[in-house]
Amino acid sequence: MTHRPIGDVIVRFWALIAVVACLGGAAGFAAASRVTPTYTATTQLVLSGTGQNAEARVQNGEYVRARMSTYSALMTSSSVLEIVRANLDIPQAELTVADSLTSTNPIDTFLIDITVTDTSRLRALAVAREIGLVANTVISDLETRTTPGSPAAAEVVRAPFAPEQPDGVQRTYVALGTIAGALVGVGLALVWDARRRRRVASNGHLNGVPLTATRNRLAEVADVRRVQS
């Protein structure tokens, strides 16, 4: 028995696949409705070298370039977040100032991208804004522990922004549910088609011999009997 190409099966059973896919999407929507929506605020800082003249600024700029990974990690360190907590009057009972914070430095740049995610859009914005406000002070404090005058300065180049709508968790759940449903539908269609083809094949045989051959043999026997009689 040969297998029907999967494309033919999909065309033949498209209605079944569509129904199961819709059911999967509905299940994904139901699951998403149980997830607490989150909001993501983003802001961007730029670091630069300081100095009283161009030569000093260039030299300090190279120093800053080598320290970018350190400055990026500093933005989500406990020292910064405790200042943010105090400035925003976030109770100590709350273990974190936001649900999620990330700070990244794109390769070969003086930029730091900060992302804050929280169930409250206003809090996500406030934390992102506060990190930007205290960044320069914290970096200066770090650099002046051993030498006077900070060689680095930080400033906000992209103000904190958070969309009015929550993150696209619901769309993701619905999409994944629909895809999973479609795959299940294709699987059911393949199984259904395989069983149908086996049933047709088995109906076309008698004791392992094709019915056409059996009928021909019976006809031959009948002809012989007529001749003998």
Foldseek 3Di string as FASTA:
>chain_A
DDADPLVVLCVVLVVLLQVLLVVLLVVLLVVLVVDQFKWKKKFKKFKFFDDPDPVRRVVLRVVLLVCQVVLQVVLPDPVLQVVLCVVVVPDVVDVGLAPDWHWDDPPPGRMIMIMGMHSDNVSNLSSNQSSQVCSQVVQQVVQPPPPPDHRMGMHTPGHMDIDPDTPPSSVVSSVVSSVVSSVVSSVVSSVVVVVVVVVVVVVQDDPNHGPVVVVVVVVVVVVVVVVVD
